[in-house]
Amino acid sequence: MNVLSLFDGMSCGQIALDQLGIPVKNYFAAEIDKYAIQVAKSNYPEMIHLGDVKEIDPSKLPKIDLLIGGSPCQGFSFGGKGLNFDDPRSKLFFEFDRLLKALKPKYFLLENVKMKKESEQVITDYLGVKPIEINSNLVSAQNRKRLYWTNIPFDGVPEDKGIMLKDILEEETAEFYRAGAYLQEKRRASDKNPDMLNPDYRSQANTIHDVESKSGTVCAGTHGYAIGYVPEIIRCGAWRGRYKPDGSTEQHLEIRKDKKTNALTTVQKDNVAVKIDNMHWRKLTVTECERLQTVPDGYTCGVSNTQRYKMLGNGWTVDVVKHIFEGLKETA
């Protein structure tokens, strides 16, 4: 089988094919992030990187049997500016369609975030199939709702494995978390961003998650992730507060009770802290984020943690893609 993966990132599609034992003759990948390429090549040295998707000439490729891709989602995401196809990143969907029409592979798979119905319908009209929505929380400890457009025959949504955050955590060590002793720094924190002390301030970042629950959506940004430095504690939702008349603050923790965390996203401040007890919490480690995306432990080694978090947030939940790719085994 010849595979072309667009917006390949760290090559989660290849992990899925590999783990299923589906033979791949050539795996071509379009990607421009040098760190994601480095990680992918270190795990799959034989893969062939083609660079920018816009520069791919289909006439220079062999017969492609499977075309896959998760075009950039920022323009479609409800957490973004809502530019949809006016966002140049979201316009890259049309590169997927261009190559799909030119290469005419037997099978294809496109992944993207939940979006406005109007945008969803545009993609559906171009691809000729309706998407199926799958939440990664069925196979992972992470809430991550995504749409999958495909002509691969497979058995609907996967069964719920009942995986919770506690099931993917590494062993606790002292440096992983700290107590919430930050009152003396409240004024410095509020000077950095007064909105962080606004009692009406709401975002996915304003949550920490009990180990009996699910994690949030794995995100890929580079700021506000570290727990243990006051502004970052606030950004990660480890506390909320308001000023009192005497100049002090009152604070409380806001804990998710939904048994799943939010998805890892492309904004790292939205990544979650793990609640240890009522006074202790810590950030998720890179290995734990790998597990949330059902990526093998250590797969993203070789680059900085910042880049590892980023590519994991941009990646696919491998076990969801494996579930879809099971249909390839049935048709082989």
Protein backbone atom coordinates (compact mmCIF):
# COMPACT_ATOMS: atom_id res chain seq x y z
CA MET A 1 0.00 0.00 0.00
CA ASN A 2 1.20 3.50 -0.86
CA VAL A 3 0.09 6.14 1.64
CA LEU A 4 0.13 9.92 1.34
CA SER A 5 -0.32 11.77 4.64
CA LEU A 6 -0.98 15.51 4.44
CA PHE A 7 -0.29 17.74 7.46
CA ASP A 8 1.42 14.64 8.81
CA GLY A 9 2.82 16.18 12.01
CA MET A 10 4.54 13.49 14.06
CA SER A 11 2.93 10.79 11.88
CA CYS A 12 0.14 9.44 14.09
CA GLY A 13 -1.44 7.82 11.04
CA GLN A 14 1.69 5.80 10.52
CA ILE A 15 1.66 4.66 14.15
CA ALA A 16 -1.88 3.37 13.65
CA LEU A 17 -1.02 1.50 10.45
CA ASP A 18 2.11 0.06 12.05
CA GLN A 19 0.31 -1.16 15.18
CA LEU A 20 -2.39 -2.81 13.07
CA GLY A 21 0.23 -4.60 10.99
CA ILE A 22 -1.06 -3.13 7.73
CA PRO A 23 1.81 -3.35 5.23
CA VAL A 24 2.94 -0.02 3.77
CA LYS A 25 5.22 0.05 0.74
CA ASN A 26 5.78 3.82 0.70
CA TYR A 27 4.65 6.38 3.26
CA PHE A 28 4.79 9.89 1.81
CA ALA A 29 4.28 12.82 4.17
CA ALA A 30 3.64 16.52 3.68
CA GLU A 31 4.85 18.49 6.72
CA ILE A 32 6.79 21.70 7.37
CA ASP A 33 7.32 21.63 11.15
CA LYS A 34 10.98 20.63 11.55
CA TYR A 35 10.51 19.24 15.06
CA ALA A 36 7.54 17.06 14.09
CA ILE A 37 9.53 15.84 11.08
CA GLN A 38 12.49 15.05 13.33
CA VAL A 39 10.35 12.94 15.66
CA ALA A 40 8.57 11.16 12.82
CA LYS A 41 11.82 10.34 11.02
CA SER A 42 13.44 9.08 14.21
CA ASN A 43 10.62 6.55 14.60
CA TYR A 44 10.11 5.78 10.91
CA PRO A 45 13.39 6.40 9.04
CA GLU A 46 12.07 5.01 5.75
CA MET A 47 9.23 7.51 5.38
CA ILE A 48 9.48 10.08 2.58
CA HIS A 49 8.89 13.72 3.47
CA LEU A 50 7.68 15.95 0.64
CA GLY A 51 7.65 19.32 2.39
CA ASP A 52 4.90 21.90 1.87
CA VAL A 53 1.55 20.42 0.85
CA LYS A 54 1.03 23.28 -1.61
CA GLU A 55 4.13 22.22 -3.54
CA ILE A 56 3.14 18.58 -4.09
CA ASP A 57 2.90 17.62 -7.76
CA PRO A 58 0.60 14.56 -7.95
CA SER A 59 2.03 13.57 -11.34
CA LYS A 60 5.34 12.74 -9.62
CA LEU A 61 3.82 10.28 -7.17
CA PRO A 62 3.07 6.59 -7.69
CA LYS A 63 -0.45 5.22 -7.38
CA ILE A 64 -1.68 6.26 -3.91
CA ASP A 65 -3.97 3.79 -2.16
CA LEU A 66 -4.71 5.78 0.99
CA LEU A 67 -4.82 9.56 1.43
CA ILE A 68 -5.06 10.83 5.01
CA GLY A 69 -4.80 14.17 6.74
CA GLY A 70 -5.97 16.46 9.48
CA SER A 71 -5.91 19.92 7.93
CA PRO A 72 -5.20 22.80 10.36
CA CYS A 73 -8.26 23.46 12.48
CA GLN A 74 -7.67 26.94 13.95
CA GLY A 75 -10.11 28.68 11.60
CA PHE A 76 -12.89 26.19 12.36
CA SER A 77 -12.41 25.80 16.12
CA PHE A 78 -15.08 27.31 18.36
CA GLY A 79 -12.21 28.42 20.57
CA GLY A 80 -10.72 30.54 17.77
CA LYS A 81 -11.83 33.64 15.89
CA GLY A 82 -14.35 31.79 13.77
CA LEU A 83 -12.79 32.79 10.45
CA ASN A 84 -13.54 29.39 8.94
CA PHE A 85 -12.35 29.28 5.33
CA ASP A 86 -11.15 32.89 5.58
CA ASP A 87 -8.36 31.62 7.82
CA PRO A 88 -5.39 30.72 5.57
CA ARG A 89 -4.68 27.63 7.67
CA SER A 90 -8.21 26.29 7.23
CA LYS A 91 -8.00 26.97 3.50
CA LEU A 92 -5.45 24.18 3.38
CA PHE A 93 -8.39 21.79 3.32
CA PHE A 94 -8.61 22.59 -0.38
CA GLU A 95 -5.12 21.11 -0.83
CA PHE A 96 -6.49 17.85 0.53
CA ASP A 97 -9.36 18.05 -1.93
CA ARG A 98 -6.99 18.95 -4.80
CA LEU A 99 -4.85 15.88 -4.21
CA LEU A 100 -7.84 13.65 -3.57
CA LYS A 101 -9.30 14.59 -6.94
CA ALA A 102 -5.96 14.24 -8.74
CA LEU A 103 -4.74 11.00 -7.16
CA LYS A 104 -8.07 9.18 -6.84
CA PRO A 105 -6.96 6.88 -4.00
CA LYS A 106 -9.12 3.92 -3.10
CA TYR A 107 -9.50 5.21 0.46
CA PHE A 108 -9.25 8.54 2.23
CA LEU A 109 -9.59 9.96 5.73
CA LEU A 110 -9.88 13.61 6.75
CA GLU A 111 -10.00 14.66 10.41
CA ASN A 112 -10.96 18.03 11.86
CA VAL A 113 -12.56 19.69 14.88
CA LYS A 114 -16.25 20.18 15.45
CA MET A 115 -17.22 23.32 13.60
CA LYS A 116 -20.15 25.39 12.39
CA LYS A 117 -22.61 23.33 10.39
CA GLU A 118 -22.10 25.59 7.38
CA SER A 119 -18.36 24.84 7.25
CA GLU A 120 -18.96 21.16 7.94
CA GLN A 121 -21.36 21.03 5.00
CA VAL A 122 -18.81 22.66 2.67
CA ILE A 123 -16.31 19.90 3.44
CA THR A 124 -19.00 17.25 3.13
CA ASP A 125 -20.03 18.57 -0.28
CA TYR A 126 -16.45 18.51 -1.54
CA LEU A 127 -15.64 15.02 -0.22
CA GLY A 128 -19.01 13.44 -0.93
CA VAL A 129 -19.34 11.74 2.47
CA LYS A 130 -20.79 12.82 5.78
CA PRO A 131 -18.48 12.92 8.82
CA ILE A 132 -18.80 10.75 11.88
CA GLU A 133 -18.13 12.34 15.25
CA ILE A 134 -15.93 10.37 17.63
CA ASN A 135 -14.86 11.51 21.09
CA SER A 136 -11.42 10.26 22.09
CA ASN A 137 -12.77 9.72 25.60
CA LEU A 138 -14.02 6.34 24.43
CA VAL A 139 -10.47 5.04 24.03
CA SER A 140 -8.51 7.50 26.16
CA ALA A 141 -8.60 9.56 29.36
CA GLN A 142 -9.11 12.69 27.25
CA ASN A 143 -12.20 14.48 26.00
CA ARG A 144 -11.52 15.24 22.34
CA LYS A 145 -14.47 15.49 19.97
CA ARG A 146 -13.43 15.28 16.33
CA LEU A 147 -15.08 14.80 12.95
CA TYR A 148 -13.88 12.12 10.54
CA TRP A 149 -14.76 12.13 6.84
CA THR A 150 -13.85 8.79 5.27
CA ASN A 151 -14.87 6.16 2.77
CA ILE A 152 -13.18 3.41 4.80
CA PRO A 153 -15.85 0.95 5.97
CA PHE A 154 -15.68 0.57 9.75
CA ASP A 155 -17.97 -0.26 12.67
CA GLY A 156 -19.17 3.11 13.90
CA VAL A 157 -17.83 4.60 17.11
CA PRO A 158 -15.52 2.46 19.26
CA GLU A 159 -16.66 0.91 22.52
CA ASP A 160 -15.95 2.83 25.71
CA LYS A 161 -12.84 1.40 27.39
CA GLY A 162 -13.61 3.26 30.62
CA ILE A 163 -10.13 4.82 30.86
CA MET A 164 -9.79 7.63 33.42
CA LEU A 165 -7.03 10.08 34.15
CA LYS A 166 -5.78 8.00 37.09
CA ASP A 167 -5.12 5.13 34.67
CA ILE A 168 -2.49 7.04 32.67
CA LEU A 169 -0.65 8.96 35.40
CA GLU A 170 3.01 8.42 36.13
CA GLU A 171 4.11 7.73 39.68
CA GLU A 172 3.86 10.86 41.82
CA THR A 173 7.09 12.58 42.79
CA ALA A 174 7.57 15.72 44.84
CA GLU A 175 8.75 17.87 41.95
CA PHE A 176 5.60 17.13 39.95
CA TYR A 177 3.42 19.35 42.09
CA ARG A 178 3.42 21.99 44.80
CA ALA A 179 0.99 23.30 47.40
CA GLY A 180 -1.02 26.39 46.60
CA ALA A 181 1.13 28.77 48.67
CA TYR A 182 0.94 31.82 46.46
CA LEU A 183 -1.14 34.41 48.35
CA GLN A 184 1.84 36.72 48.81
CA GLU A 185 2.25 36.91 45.02
CA LYS A 186 -1.35 37.77 44.14
CA ARG A 187 -0.60 41.41 43.31
CA ARG A 188 2.19 40.52 40.89
CA ALA A 189 -0.04 37.97 39.19
CA SER A 190 -2.93 40.39 38.83
CA ASP A 191 -0.61 43.01 37.32
CA LYS A 192 0.26 40.53 34.58
CA ASN A 193 -3.35 39.96 33.64
CA PRO A 194 -6.16 41.46 35.72
CA ASP A 195 -8.73 39.26 33.99
CA MET A 196 -7.26 36.27 35.77
CA LEU A 197 -8.76 37.57 39.01
CA ASN A 198 -12.15 38.34 37.47
CA PRO A 199 -14.77 36.10 39.12
CA ASP A 200 -16.65 36.05 35.83
CA TYR A 201 -13.58 34.87 33.89
CA ARG A 202 -14.38 31.58 32.16
CA SER A 203 -12.37 29.39 29.86
CA GLN A 204 -11.28 25.81 29.48
CA ALA A 205 -8.16 26.90 31.34
CA ASN A 206 -10.17 27.52 34.51
CA THR A 207 -10.26 23.88 35.42
CA ILE A 208 -8.16 21.31 37.16
CA HIS A 209 -9.14 17.70 36.97
CA ASP A 210 -9.50 15.03 39.58
CA VAL A 211 -7.60 11.82 38.88
CA GLU A 212 -10.95 9.99 38.88
CA SER A 213 -12.01 12.04 35.84
CA LYS A 214 -10.89 12.56 32.24
CA SER A 215 -8.22 14.99 31.09
CA GLY A 216 -8.90 18.02 28.96
CA THR A 217 -8.02 18.32 25.29
CA VAL A 218 -4.26 18.07 24.80
CA CYS A 219 -3.12 21.46 23.52
CA ALA A 220 -0.09 22.61 21.63
CA GLY A 221 0.65 26.19 22.77
CA THR A 222 3.79 27.04 24.67
CA HIS A 223 2.63 29.35 27.45
CA GLY A 224 0.89 28.98 30.78
CA TYR A 225 1.50 25.29 31.22
CA ALA A 226 3.95 24.98 34.09
CA ILE A 227 2.45 24.55 37.54
CA GLY A 228 4.50 26.00 40.36
CA TYR A 229 4.87 29.59 39.16
CA VAL A 230 1.99 31.78 40.21
CA PRO A 231 0.83 33.32 36.89
CA GLU A 232 0.95 29.89 35.29
CA ILE A 233 -0.98 28.38 38.19
CA ILE A 234 -3.70 30.92 37.55
CA ARG A 235 -3.63 30.36 33.80
CA CYS A 236 -4.03 26.63 34.29
CA GLY A 237 -7.09 27.20 36.41
CA ALA A 238 -5.56 26.04 39.67
CA TRP A 239 -7.41 28.85 41.43
CA ARG A 240 -9.97 31.55 40.93
CA GLY A 241 -10.42 34.62 43.08
CA ARG A 242 -11.69 38.15 43.52
CA TYR A 243 -10.42 41.18 45.38
CA LYS A 244 -12.04 41.91 48.74
CA PRO A 245 -12.48 45.47 50.12
CA ASP A 246 -9.43 45.12 52.35
CA GLY A 247 -7.23 44.37 49.33
CA SER A 248 -6.88 40.66 50.03
CA THR A 249 -8.36 37.93 47.87
CA GLU A 250 -10.71 35.07 48.45
CA GLN A 251 -10.00 31.98 46.42
CA HIS A 252 -11.45 28.62 45.63
CA LEU A 253 -10.64 25.71 43.38
CA GLU A 254 -12.87 24.88 40.45
CA ILE A 255 -12.82 21.13 39.84
CA ARG A 256 -14.33 19.34 36.85
CA LYS A 257 -16.79 16.62 37.78
CA ASP A 258 -17.49 15.19 34.36
CA LYS A 259 -15.13 12.20 34.66
CA LYS A 260 -13.19 13.29 31.57
CA THR A 261 -10.69 16.07 31.03
CA ASN A 262 -10.97 18.52 28.18
CA ALA A 263 -8.99 17.82 25.03
CA LEU A 264 -5.36 18.72 24.51
CA THR A 265 -5.56 21.77 22.23
CA THR A 266 -3.29 24.13 20.34
CA VAL A 267 -3.26 26.65 23.21
CA GLN A 268 -1.12 25.33 26.00
CA LYS A 269 -2.74 27.48 28.70
CA ASP A 270 -5.78 25.27 28.18
CA ASN A 271 -3.87 22.17 29.21
CA VAL A 272 -4.91 20.81 32.55
CA ALA A 273 -3.50 20.38 35.99
CA VAL A 274 -3.96 17.13 37.87
CA LYS A 275 -5.61 17.46 41.28
CA ILE A 276 -3.69 15.54 43.93
CA ASP A 277 -5.79 16.68 46.88
CA ASN A 278 -7.47 19.92 47.92
CA MET A 279 -4.17 21.74 48.27
CA HIS A 280 -1.91 20.05 45.73
CA TRP A 281 -1.91 19.86 41.96
CA ARG A 282 0.56 19.52 39.15
CA LYS A 283 0.79 19.69 35.39
CA LEU A 284 0.48 16.70 33.11
CA THR A 285 3.85 15.32 32.08
CA VAL A 286 4.81 14.80 28.44
CA THR A 287 4.53 11.04 28.89
CA GLU A 288 1.02 11.46 30.28
CA CYS A 289 0.07 13.58 27.27
CA GLU A 290 1.45 10.83 25.03
CA ARG A 291 -0.84 8.41 26.84
CA LEU A 292 -3.81 10.76 26.45
CA GLN A 293 -3.20 10.64 22.70
CA THR A 294 -2.56 6.86 22.90
CA VAL A 295 0.92 7.42 21.49
CA PRO A 296 3.67 5.03 22.71
CA ASP A 297 5.61 6.25 25.74
CA GLY A 298 8.72 8.12 24.64
CA TYR A 299 7.62 8.42 21.01
CA THR A 300 8.19 12.20 21.01
CA CYS A 301 11.65 12.07 22.64
CA GLY A 302 14.53 13.91 21.01
CA VAL A 303 13.16 17.47 21.02
CA SER A 304 12.33 19.96 23.76
CA ASN A 305 9.32 19.41 26.01
CA THR A 306 7.78 22.56 24.55
CA GLN A 307 7.85 21.02 21.08
CA ARG A 308 6.67 17.66 22.41
CA TYR A 309 3.60 19.20 24.03
CA LYS A 310 2.92 21.16 20.85
CA MET A 311 3.04 18.21 18.47
CA LEU A 312 0.95 16.08 20.80
CA GLY A 313 -1.70 18.78 20.90
CA ASN A 314 -1.68 18.94 17.12
CA GLY A 315 -1.75 15.18 16.71
CA TRP A 316 -4.40 12.50 16.41
CA THR A 317 -5.61 10.12 19.09
CA VAL A 318 -3.99 7.02 17.63
CA ASP A 319 -6.50 4.50 18.95
CA VAL A 320 -9.38 6.35 17.26
CA VAL A 321 -7.56 6.21 13.92
CA LYS A 322 -6.72 2.53 14.51
CA HIS A 323 -10.41 1.84 15.01
CA ILE A 324 -11.17 3.42 11.63
CA PHE A 325 -8.22 1.72 9.92
CA GLU A 326 -9.52 -1.70 11.07
CA GLY A 327 -11.74 -1.36 8.03
CA LEU A 328 -8.67 -1.48 5.80
CA LYS A 329 -7.79 -4.91 7.16
CA GLU A 330 -11.26 -6.19 6.31
CA THR A 331 -10.97 -5.01 2.69
CA ALA A 332 -7.38 -6.16 2.09
